[in-house]
Structures are given as structure tokens and as C-alpha cells.
Amino acid sequence: LSCAKPGIIFRLNTMAWYRQAPGN
């Protein structure tokens, strides 16, 4: 998986992956 987000916020923050299954 890939996730792109331009801007300075990306470079200054801890990044995370989340997931959501149906009903959860």
C-alpha cells in the first residue's frame, strides 16, 4: 500500500496506517 500527502505536515509528524473492517 502507498499513501501520499503533500505538505510540511507529513515531514514533521509520525505517520500511521489504520484499518477498519466491516462492523469494527
mmCIF file of all heavy atoms, coordinates in Angstrom:
data_MODEL
# 
_entry.id   MODEL 
# 
loop_
_atom_site.group_PDB 
_atom_site.id 
_atom_site.type_symbol 
_atom_site.label_atom_id 
_atom_site.label_alt_id 
_atom_site.label_comp_id 
_atom_site.label_asym_id 
_atom_site.label_entity_id 
_atom_site.label_seq_id 
_atom_site.pdbx_PDB_ins_code 
_atom_site.Cartn_x 
_atom_site.Cartn_y 
_atom_site.Cartn_z 
_atom_site.occupancy 
_atom_site.B_iso_or_equiv 
_atom_site.pdbx_formal_charge 
_atom_site.auth_seq_id 
_atom_site.auth_comp_id 
_atom_site.auth_asym_id 
_atom_site.auth_atom_id 
_atom_site.pdbx_PDB_model_num 
ATOM 1   N N   . LEU A 1 1  ? 0.832   -1.191 0.000  1.00 0.00 ? 1  LEU A N   1 
ATOM 2   C CA  . LEU A 1 1  ? 0.000   0.000  0.000  1.00 0.00 ? 1  LEU A CA  1 
ATOM 3   C C   . LEU A 1 1  ? 0.876   1.254  0.000  1.00 0.00 ? 1  LEU A C   1 
ATOM 4   O O   . LEU A 1 1  ? 1.983   1.251  0.553  1.00 0.00 ? 1  LEU A O   1 
ATOM 5   C CB  . LEU A 1 1  ? -0.899  0.023  1.237  1.00 0.00 ? 1  LEU A CB  1 
ATOM 6   C CG  . LEU A 1 1  ? -1.747  -1.217 1.500  1.00 0.00 ? 1  LEU A CG  1 
ATOM 7   C CD1 . LEU A 1 1  ? -2.644  -0.972 2.710  1.00 0.00 ? 1  LEU A CD1 1 
ATOM 8   C CD2 . LEU A 1 1  ? -2.561  -1.599 0.282  1.00 0.00 ? 1  LEU A CD2 1 
ATOM 9   N N   . SER A 1 2  ? 0.356   2.297  -0.614 1.00 0.00 ? 2  SER A N   1 
ATOM 10  C CA  . SER A 1 2  ? 1.045   3.591  -0.631 1.00 0.00 ? 2  SER A CA  1 
ATOM 11  C C   . SER A 1 2  ? 0.074   4.672  -0.197 1.00 0.00 ? 2  SER A C   1 
ATOM 12  O O   . SER A 1 2  ? -1.136  4.565  -0.421 1.00 0.00 ? 2  SER A O   1 
ATOM 13  C CB  . SER A 1 2  ? 1.554   3.923  -2.036 1.00 0.00 ? 2  SER A CB  1 
ATOM 14  O OG  . SER A 1 2  ? 2.479   2.980  -2.485 1.00 0.00 ? 2  SER A OG  1 
ATOM 15  N N   . CYS A 1 3  ? 0.622   5.718  0.381  1.00 0.00 ? 3  CYS A N   1 
ATOM 16  C CA  . CYS A 1 3  ? -0.196  6.857  0.790  1.00 0.00 ? 3  CYS A CA  1 
ATOM 17  C C   . CYS A 1 3  ? 0.627   8.116  0.609  1.00 0.00 ? 3  CYS A C   1 
ATOM 18  O O   . CYS A 1 3  ? 1.716   8.235  1.178  1.00 0.00 ? 3  CYS A O   1 
ATOM 19  C CB  . CYS A 1 3  ? -0.637  6.719  2.238  1.00 0.00 ? 3  CYS A CB  1 
ATOM 20  S SG  . CYS A 1 3  ? -1.488  8.161  2.869  1.00 0.00 ? 3  CYS A SG  1 
ATOM 21  N N   . ALA A 1 4  ? 0.112   9.038  -0.172 1.00 0.00 ? 4  ALA A N   1 
ATOM 22  C CA  . ALA A 1 4  ? 0.816   10.283 -0.454 1.00 0.00 ? 4  ALA A CA  1 
ATOM 23  C C   . ALA A 1 4  ? 0.032   11.468 0.098  1.00 0.00 ? 4  ALA A C   1 
ATOM 24  O O   . ALA A 1 4  ? -1.196  11.506 0.020  1.00 0.00 ? 4  ALA A O   1 
ATOM 25  C CB  . ALA A 1 4  ? 1.010   10.454 -1.956 1.00 0.00 ? 4  ALA A CB  1 
ATOM 26  N N   . LYS A 1 5  ? 0.771   12.427 0.631  1.00 0.00 ? 5  LYS A N   1 
ATOM 27  C CA  . LYS A 1 5  ? 0.127   13.635 1.159  1.00 0.00 ? 5  LYS A CA  1 
ATOM 28  C C   . LYS A 1 5  ? 1.127   14.775 1.084  1.00 0.00 ? 5  LYS A C   1 
ATOM 29  O O   . LYS A 1 5  ? 2.048   14.852 1.888  1.00 0.00 ? 5  LYS A O   1 
ATOM 30  C CB  . LYS A 1 5  ? -0.332  13.421 2.594  1.00 0.00 ? 5  LYS A CB  1 
ATOM 31  C CG  . LYS A 1 5  ? -1.029  14.631 3.191  1.00 0.00 ? 5  LYS A CG  1 
ATOM 32  C CD  . LYS A 1 5  ? -2.345  14.925 2.525  1.00 0.00 ? 5  LYS A CD  1 
ATOM 33  C CE  . LYS A 1 5  ? -3.100  16.080 3.171  1.00 0.00 ? 5  LYS A CE  1 
ATOM 34  N NZ  . LYS A 1 5  ? -2.511  17.378 2.846  1.00 0.00 ? 5  LYS A NZ  1 
ATOM 35  N N   . PRO A 1 6  ? 1.008   15.661 0.109  1.00 0.00 ? 6  PRO A N   1 
ATOM 36  C CA  . PRO A 1 6  ? 1.931   16.783 0.007  1.00 0.00 ? 6  PRO A CA  1 
ATOM 37  C C   . PRO A 1 6  ? 1.873   17.693 1.227  1.00 0.00 ? 6  PRO A C   1 
ATOM 38  O O   . PRO A 1 6  ? 0.848   17.769 1.903  1.00 0.00 ? 6  PRO A O   1 
ATOM 39  C CB  . PRO A 1 6  ? 1.435   17.527 -1.238 1.00 0.00 ? 6  PRO A CB  1 
ATOM 40  C CG  . PRO A 1 6  ? 0.666   16.527 -2.009 1.00 0.00 ? 6  PRO A CG  1 
ATOM 41  C CD  . PRO A 1 6  ? 0.031   15.640 -0.979 1.00 0.00 ? 6  PRO A CD  1 
ATOM 42  N N   . GLY A 1 7  ? 2.964   18.373 1.484  1.00 0.00 ? 7  GLY A N   1 
ATOM 43  C CA  . GLY A 1 7  ? 2.947   19.365 2.542  1.00 0.00 ? 7  GLY A CA  1 
ATOM 44  C C   . GLY A 1 7  ? 3.908   19.065 3.677  1.00 0.00 ? 7  GLY A C   1 
ATOM 45  O O   . GLY A 1 7  ? 4.361   17.945 3.856  1.00 0.00 ? 7  GLY A O   1 
ATOM 46  N N   . ILE A 1 8  ? 4.155   20.090 4.453  1.00 0.00 ? 8  ILE A N   1 
ATOM 47  C CA  . ILE A 1 8  ? 5.144   20.003 5.515  1.00 0.00 ? 8  ILE A CA  1 
ATOM 48  C C   . ILE A 1 8  ? 4.675   19.139 6.685  1.00 0.00 ? 8  ILE A C   1 
ATOM 49  O O   . ILE A 1 8  ? 5.491   18.560 7.409  1.00 0.00 ? 8  ILE A O   1 
ATOM 50  C CB  . ILE A 1 8  ? 5.518   21.425 6.004  1.00 0.00 ? 8  ILE A CB  1 
ATOM 51  C CG1 . ILE A 1 8  ? 6.758   21.379 6.862  1.00 0.00 ? 8  ILE A CG1 1 
ATOM 52  C CG2 . ILE A 1 8  ? 4.330   22.064 6.706  1.00 0.00 ? 8  ILE A CG2 1 
ATOM 53  C CD1 . ILE A 1 8  ? 8.003   20.948 6.125  1.00 0.00 ? 8  ILE A CD1 1 
ATOM 54  N N   . ILE A 1 9  ? 3.384   19.032 6.868  1.00 0.00 ? 9  ILE A N   1 
ATOM 55  C CA  . ILE A 1 9  ? 2.877   18.257 7.998  1.00 0.00 ? 9  ILE A CA  1 
ATOM 56  C C   . ILE A 1 9  ? 3.373   16.826 7.938  1.00 0.00 ? 9  ILE A C   1 
ATOM 57  O O   . ILE A 1 9  ? 3.752   16.230 8.952  1.00 0.00 ? 9  ILE A O   1 
ATOM 58  C CB  . ILE A 1 9  ? 1.343   18.311 8.059  1.00 0.00 ? 9  ILE A CB  1 
ATOM 59  C CG1 . ILE A 1 9  ? 0.879   19.717 8.439  1.00 0.00 ? 9  ILE A CG1 1 
ATOM 60  C CG2 . ILE A 1 9  ? 0.808   17.289 9.051  1.00 0.00 ? 9  ILE A CG2 1 
ATOM 61  C CD1 . ILE A 1 9  ? -0.626  19.904 8.451  1.00 0.00 ? 9  ILE A CD1 1 
ATOM 62  N N   . PHE A 1 10 ? 3.392   16.239 6.745  1.00 0.00 ? 10 PHE A N   1 
ATOM 63  C CA  . PHE A 1 10 ? 3.869   14.867 6.595  1.00 0.00 ? 10 PHE A CA  1 
ATOM 64  C C   . PHE A 1 10 ? 5.283   14.747 7.126  1.00 0.00 ? 10 PHE A C   1 
ATOM 65  O O   . PHE A 1 10 ? 5.613   13.839 7.894  1.00 0.00 ? 10 PHE A O   1 
ATOM 66  C CB  . PHE A 1 10 ? 3.820   14.462 5.121  1.00 0.00 ? 10 PHE A CB  1 
ATOM 67  C CG  . PHE A 1 10 ? 4.316   13.065 4.847  1.00 0.00 ? 10 PHE A CG  1 
ATOM 68  C CD1 . PHE A 1 10 ? 3.416   12.028 4.676  1.00 0.00 ? 10 PHE A CD1 1 
ATOM 69  C CD2 . PHE A 1 10 ? 5.676   12.781 4.770  1.00 0.00 ? 10 PHE A CD2 1 
ATOM 70  C CE1 . PHE A 1 10 ? 3.859   10.738 4.425  1.00 0.00 ? 10 PHE A CE1 1 
ATOM 71  C CE2 . PHE A 1 10 ? 6.125   11.502 4.524  1.00 0.00 ? 10 PHE A CE2 1 
ATOM 72  C CZ  . PHE A 1 10 ? 5.207   10.476 4.350  1.00 0.00 ? 10 PHE A CZ  1 
ATOM 73  N N   . ARG A 1 11 ? 6.139   15.661 6.744  1.00 0.00 ? 11 ARG A N   1 
ATOM 74  C CA  . ARG A 1 11 ? 7.563   15.537 7.058  1.00 0.00 ? 11 ARG A CA  1 
ATOM 75  C C   . ARG A 1 11 ? 7.871   15.766 8.534  1.00 0.00 ? 11 ARG A C   1 
ATOM 76  O O   . ARG A 1 11 ? 8.933   15.378 9.005  1.00 0.00 ? 11 ARG A O   1 
ATOM 77  C CB  . ARG A 1 11 ? 8.348   16.534 6.205  1.00 0.00 ? 11 ARG A CB  1 
ATOM 78  C CG  . ARG A 1 11 ? 8.191   16.282 4.721  1.00 0.00 ? 11 ARG A CG  1 
ATOM 79  C CD  . ARG A 1 11 ? 8.884   17.315 3.887  1.00 0.00 ? 11 ARG A CD  1 
ATOM 80  N NE  . ARG A 1 11 ? 8.483   17.222 2.492  1.00 0.00 ? 11 ARG A NE  1 
ATOM 81  C CZ  . ARG A 1 11 ? 8.933   18.033 1.546  1.00 0.00 ? 11 ARG A CZ  1 
ATOM 82  N NH1 . ARG A 1 11 ? 9.788   18.989 1.832  1.00 0.00 ? 11 ARG A NH1 1 
ATOM 83  N NH2 . ARG A 1 11 ? 8.509   17.881 0.308  1.00 0.00 ? 11 ARG A NH2 1 
ATOM 84  N N   . LEU A 1 12 ? 6.938   16.382 9.254  1.00 0.00 ? 12 LEU A N   1 
ATOM 85  C CA  . LEU A 1 12 ? 7.182   16.725 10.652 1.00 0.00 ? 12 LEU A CA  1 
ATOM 86  C C   . LEU A 1 12 ? 6.461   15.810 11.636 1.00 0.00 ? 12 LEU A C   1 
ATOM 87  O O   . LEU A 1 12 ? 6.549   16.039 12.843 1.00 0.00 ? 12 LEU A O   1 
ATOM 88  C CB  . LEU A 1 12 ? 6.762   18.176 10.913 1.00 0.00 ? 12 LEU A CB  1 
ATOM 89  C CG  . LEU A 1 12 ? 7.509   19.247 10.134 1.00 0.00 ? 12 LEU A CG  1 
ATOM 90  C CD1 . LEU A 1 12 ? 6.968   20.626 10.481 1.00 0.00 ? 12 LEU A CD1 1 
ATOM 91  C CD2 . LEU A 1 12 ? 9.007   19.177 10.404 1.00 0.00 ? 12 LEU A CD2 1 
ATOM 92  N N   . ASN A 1 13 ? 5.753   14.812 11.125 1.00 0.00 ? 13 ASN A N   1 
ATOM 93  C CA  . ASN A 1 13 ? 4.910   14.008 12.005 1.00 0.00 ? 13 ASN A CA  1 
ATOM 94  C C   . ASN A 1 13 ? 5.156   12.513 11.881 1.00 0.00 ? 13 ASN A C   1 
ATOM 95  O O   . ASN A 1 13 ? 5.559   12.015 10.825 1.00 0.00 ? 13 ASN A O   1 
ATOM 96  C CB  . ASN A 1 13 ? 3.433   14.274 11.688 1.00 0.00 ? 13 ASN A CB  1 
ATOM 97  C CG  . ASN A 1 13 ? 2.948   15.554 12.325 1.00 0.00 ? 13 ASN A CG  1 
ATOM 98  O OD1 . ASN A 1 13 ? 2.468   15.547 13.455 1.00 0.00 ? 13 ASN A OD1 1 
ATOM 99  N ND2 . ASN A 1 13 ? 3.073   16.655 11.604 1.00 0.00 ? 13 ASN A ND2 1 
ATOM 100 N N   . THR A 1 14 ? 4.862   11.821 12.971 1.00 0.00 ? 14 THR A N   1 
ATOM 101 C CA  . THR A 1 14 ? 4.799   10.371 12.931 1.00 0.00 ? 14 THR A CA  1 
ATOM 102 C C   . THR A 1 14 ? 3.601   9.969  12.075 1.00 0.00 ? 14 THR A C   1 
ATOM 103 O O   . THR A 1 14 ? 2.491   10.456 12.289 1.00 0.00 ? 14 THR A O   1 
ATOM 104 C CB  . THR A 1 14 ? 4.643   9.807  14.348 1.00 0.00 ? 14 THR A CB  1 
ATOM 105 O OG1 . THR A 1 14 ? 5.824   10.108 15.092 1.00 0.00 ? 14 THR A OG1 1 
ATOM 106 C CG2 . THR A 1 14 ? 4.425   8.299  14.322 1.00 0.00 ? 14 THR A CG2 1 
ATOM 107 N N   . MET A 1 15 ? 3.849   9.101  11.114 1.00 0.00 ? 15 MET A N   1 
ATOM 108 C CA  . MET A 1 15 ? 2.797   8.637  10.213 1.00 0.00 ? 15 MET A CA  1 
ATOM 109 C C   . MET A 1 15 ? 2.288   7.275  10.653 1.00 0.00 ? 15 MET A C   1 
ATOM 110 O O   . MET A 1 15 ? 3.012   6.512  11.306 1.00 0.00 ? 15 MET A O   1 
ATOM 111 C CB  . MET A 1 15 ? 3.324   8.567  8.779  1.00 0.00 ? 15 MET A CB  1 
ATOM 112 C CG  . MET A 1 15 ? 3.625   9.927  8.187  1.00 0.00 ? 15 MET A CG  1 
ATOM 113 S SD  . MET A 1 15 ? 2.168   10.983 8.146  1.00 0.00 ? 15 MET A SD  1 
ATOM 114 C CE  . MET A 1 15 ? 1.054   9.966  7.161  1.00 0.00 ? 15 MET A CE  1 
ATOM 115 N N   . ALA A 1 16 ? 1.050   6.993  10.281 1.00 0.00 ? 16 ALA A N   1 
ATOM 116 C CA  . ALA A 1 16 ? 0.422   5.753  10.726 1.00 0.00 ? 16 ALA A CA  1 
ATOM 117 C C   . ALA A 1 16 ? -0.480  5.178  9.648  1.00 0.00 ? 16 ALA A C   1 
ATOM 118 O O   . ALA A 1 16 ? -1.050  5.914  8.843  1.00 0.00 ? 16 ALA A O   1 
ATOM 119 C CB  . ALA A 1 16 ? -0.389  6.018  11.992 1.00 0.00 ? 16 ALA A CB  1 
ATOM 120 N N   . TRP A 1 17 ? -0.580  3.858  9.666  1.00 0.00 ? 17 TRP A N   1 
ATOM 121 C CA  . TRP A 1 17 ? -1.590  3.147  8.896  1.00 0.00 ? 17 TRP A CA  1 
ATOM 122 C C   . TRP A 1 17 ? -2.647  2.641  9.876  1.00 0.00 ? 17 TRP A C   1 
ATOM 123 O O   . TRP A 1 17 ? -2.319  2.134  10.962 1.00 0.00 ? 17 TRP A O   1 
ATOM 124 C CB  . TRP A 1 17 ? -0.998  1.968  8.141  1.00 0.00 ? 17 TRP A CB  1 
ATOM 125 C CG  . TRP A 1 17 ? -0.288  2.357  6.896  1.00 0.00 ? 17 TRP A CG  1 
ATOM 126 C CD1 . TRP A 1 17 ? 1.055   2.564  6.730  1.00 0.00 ? 17 TRP A CD1 1 
ATOM 127 C CD2 . TRP A 1 17 ? -0.878  2.619  5.613  1.00 0.00 ? 17 TRP A CD2 1 
ATOM 128 N NE1 . TRP A 1 17 ? 1.330   2.929  5.430  1.00 0.00 ? 17 TRP A NE1 1 
ATOM 129 C CE2 . TRP A 1 17 ? 0.160   2.961  4.721  1.00 0.00 ? 17 TRP A CE2 1 
ATOM 130 C CE3 . TRP A 1 17 ? -2.189  2.587  5.129  1.00 0.00 ? 17 TRP A CE3 1 
ATOM 131 C CZ2 . TRP A 1 17 ? -0.079  3.268  3.380  1.00 0.00 ? 17 TRP A CZ2 1 
ATOM 132 C CZ3 . TRP A 1 17 ? -2.415  2.897  3.802  1.00 0.00 ? 17 TRP A CZ3 1 
ATOM 133 C CH2 . TRP A 1 17 ? -1.368  3.228  2.936  1.00 0.00 ? 17 TRP A CH2 1 
ATOM 134 N N   . TYR A 1 18 ? -3.895  2.779  9.454  1.00 0.00 ? 18 TYR A N   1 
ATOM 135 C CA  . TYR A 1 18 ? -5.037  2.295  10.202 1.00 0.00 ? 18 TYR A CA  1 
ATOM 136 C C   . TYR A 1 18 ? -5.842  1.364  9.296  1.00 0.00 ? 18 TYR A C   1 
ATOM 137 O O   . TYR A 1 18 ? -5.688  1.389  8.078  1.00 0.00 ? 18 TYR A O   1 
ATOM 138 C CB  . TYR A 1 18 ? -5.937  3.462  10.626 1.00 0.00 ? 18 TYR A CB  1 
ATOM 139 C CG  . TYR A 1 18 ? -5.279  4.515  11.474 1.00 0.00 ? 18 TYR A CG  1 
ATOM 140 C CD1 . TYR A 1 18 ? -4.500  5.513  10.898 1.00 0.00 ? 18 TYR A CD1 1 
ATOM 141 C CD2 . TYR A 1 18 ? -5.448  4.524  12.852 1.00 0.00 ? 18 TYR A CD2 1 
ATOM 142 C CE1 . TYR A 1 18 ? -3.902  6.488  11.675 1.00 0.00 ? 18 TYR A CE1 1 
ATOM 143 C CE2 . TYR A 1 18 ? -4.860  5.503  13.643 1.00 0.00 ? 18 TYR A CE2 1 
ATOM 144 C CZ  . TYR A 1 18 ? -4.094  6.484  13.044 1.00 0.00 ? 18 TYR A CZ  1 
ATOM 145 O OH  . TYR A 1 18 ? -3.503  7.457  13.827 1.00 0.00 ? 18 TYR A OH  1 
ATOM 146 N N   . ARG A 1 19 ? -6.725  0.602  9.890  1.00 0.00 ? 19 ARG A N   1 
ATOM 147 C CA  . ARG A 1 19 ? -7.649  -0.191 9.087  1.00 0.00 ? 19 ARG A CA  1 
ATOM 148 C C   . ARG A 1 19 ? -8.987  -0.301 9.809  1.00 0.00 ? 19 ARG A C   1 
ATOM 149 O O   . ARG A 1 19 ? -9.060  -0.205 11.034 1.00 0.00 ? 19 ARG A O   1 
ATOM 150 C CB  . ARG A 1 19 ? -7.078  -1.582 8.798  1.00 0.00 ? 19 ARG A CB  1 
ATOM 151 C CG  . ARG A 1 19 ? -6.929  -2.485 10.009 1.00 0.00 ? 19 ARG A CG  1 
ATOM 152 C CD  . ARG A 1 19 ? -6.245  -3.776 9.599  1.00 0.00 ? 19 ARG A CD  1 
ATOM 153 N NE  . ARG A 1 19 ? -6.094  -4.695 10.721 1.00 0.00 ? 19 ARG A NE  1 
ATOM 154 C CZ  . ARG A 1 19 ? -5.430  -5.842 10.667 1.00 0.00 ? 19 ARG A CZ  1 
ATOM 155 N NH1 . ARG A 1 19 ? -4.844  -6.225 9.521  1.00 0.00 ? 19 ARG A NH1 1 
ATOM 156 N NH2 . ARG A 1 19 ? -5.342  -6.615 11.723 1.00 0.00 ? 19 ARG A NH2 1 
ATOM 157 N N   . GLN A 1 20 ? -10.009 -0.507 8.986  1.00 0.00 ? 20 GLN A N   1 
ATOM 158 C CA  . GLN A 1 20 ? -11.354 -0.667 9.531  1.00 0.00 ? 20 GLN A CA  1 
ATOM 159 C C   . GLN A 1 20 ? -12.064 -1.769 8.774  1.00 0.00 ? 20 GLN A C   1 
ATOM 160 O O   . GLN A 1 20 ? -12.299 -1.655 7.566  1.00 0.00 ? 20 GLN A O   1 
ATOM 161 C CB  . GLN A 1 20 ? -12.145 0.645  9.440  1.00 0.00 ? 20 GLN A CB  1 
ATOM 162 C CG  . GLN A 1 20 ? -13.493 0.586  10.129 1.00 0.00 ? 20 GLN A CG  1 
ATOM 163 C CD  . GLN A 1 20 ? -14.131 1.956  10.271 1.00 0.00 ? 20 GLN A CD  1 
ATOM 164 O OE1 . GLN A 1 20 ? -13.784 2.905  9.574  1.00 0.00 ? 20 GLN A OE1 1 
ATOM 165 N NE2 . GLN A 1 20 ? -15.076 2.063  11.184 1.00 0.00 ? 20 GLN A NE2 1 
ATOM 166 N N   . ALA A 1 21 ? -12.404 -2.815 9.505  1.00 0.00 ? 21 ALA A N   1 
ATOM 167 C CA  . ALA A 1 21 ? -13.168 -3.921 8.932  1.00 0.00 ? 21 ALA A CA  1 
ATOM 168 C C   . ALA A 1 21 ? -14.653 -3.652 9.144  1.00 0.00 ? 21 ALA A C   1 
ATOM 169 O O   . ALA A 1 21 ? -15.031 -2.916 10.067 1.00 0.00 ? 21 ALA A O   1 
ATOM 170 C CB  . ALA A 1 21 ? -12.758 -5.230 9.591  1.00 0.00 ? 21 ALA A CB  1 
ATOM 171 N N   . PRO A 1 22 ? -15.507 -4.234 8.318  1.00 0.00 ? 22 PRO A N   1 
ATOM 172 C CA  . PRO A 1 22 ? -16.948 -4.011 8.466  1.00 0.00 ? 22 PRO A CA  1 
ATOM 173 C C   . PRO A 1 22 ? -17.419 -4.337 9.876  1.00 0.00 ? 22 PRO A C   1 
ATOM 174 O O   . PRO A 1 22 ? -17.103 -5.389 10.425 1.00 0.00 ? 22 PRO A O   1 
ATOM 175 C CB  . PRO A 1 22 ? -17.549 -4.975 7.446  1.00 0.00 ? 22 PRO A CB  1 
ATOM 176 C CG  . PRO A 1 22 ? -16.484 -5.147 6.418  1.00 0.00 ? 22 PRO A CG  1 
ATOM 177 C CD  . PRO A 1 22 ? -15.191 -5.099 7.170  1.00 0.00 ? 22 PRO A CD  1 
ATOM 178 N N   . GLY A 1 23 ? -18.166 -3.408 10.468 1.00 0.00 ? 23 GLY A N   1 
ATOM 179 C CA  . GLY A 1 23 ? -18.708 -3.615 11.801 1.00 0.00 ? 23 GLY A CA  1 
ATOM 180 C C   . GLY A 1 23 ? -17.736 -3.365 12.926 1.00 0.00 ? 23 GLY A C   1 
ATOM 181 O O   . GLY A 1 23 ? -18.111 -3.483 14.103 1.00 0.00 ? 23 GLY A O   1 
ATOM 182 N N   . ASN A 1 24 ? -16.497 -3.014 12.580 1.00 0.00 ? 24 ASN A N   1 
ATOM 183 C CA  . ASN A 1 24 ? -15.485 -2.784 13.611 1.00 0.00 ? 24 ASN A CA  1 
ATOM 184 C C   . ASN A 1 24 ? -15.051 -1.322 13.644 1.00 0.00 ? 24 ASN A C   1 
ATOM 185 O O   . ASN A 1 24 ? -15.250 -0.581 12.678 1.00 0.00 ? 24 ASN A O   1 
ATOM 186 C CB  . ASN A 1 24 ? -14.247 -3.642 13.337 1.00 0.00 ? 24 ASN A CB  1 
ATOM 187 C CG  . ASN A 1 24 ? -14.503 -5.109 13.575 1.00 0.00 ? 24 ASN A CG  1 
ATOM 188 O OD1 . ASN A 1 24 ? -15.591 -5.503 13.993 1.00 0.00 ? 24 ASN A OD1 1 
ATOM 189 N ND2 . ASN A 1 24 ? -13.513 -5.925 13.277 1.00 0.00 ? 24 ASN A ND2 1 
# 
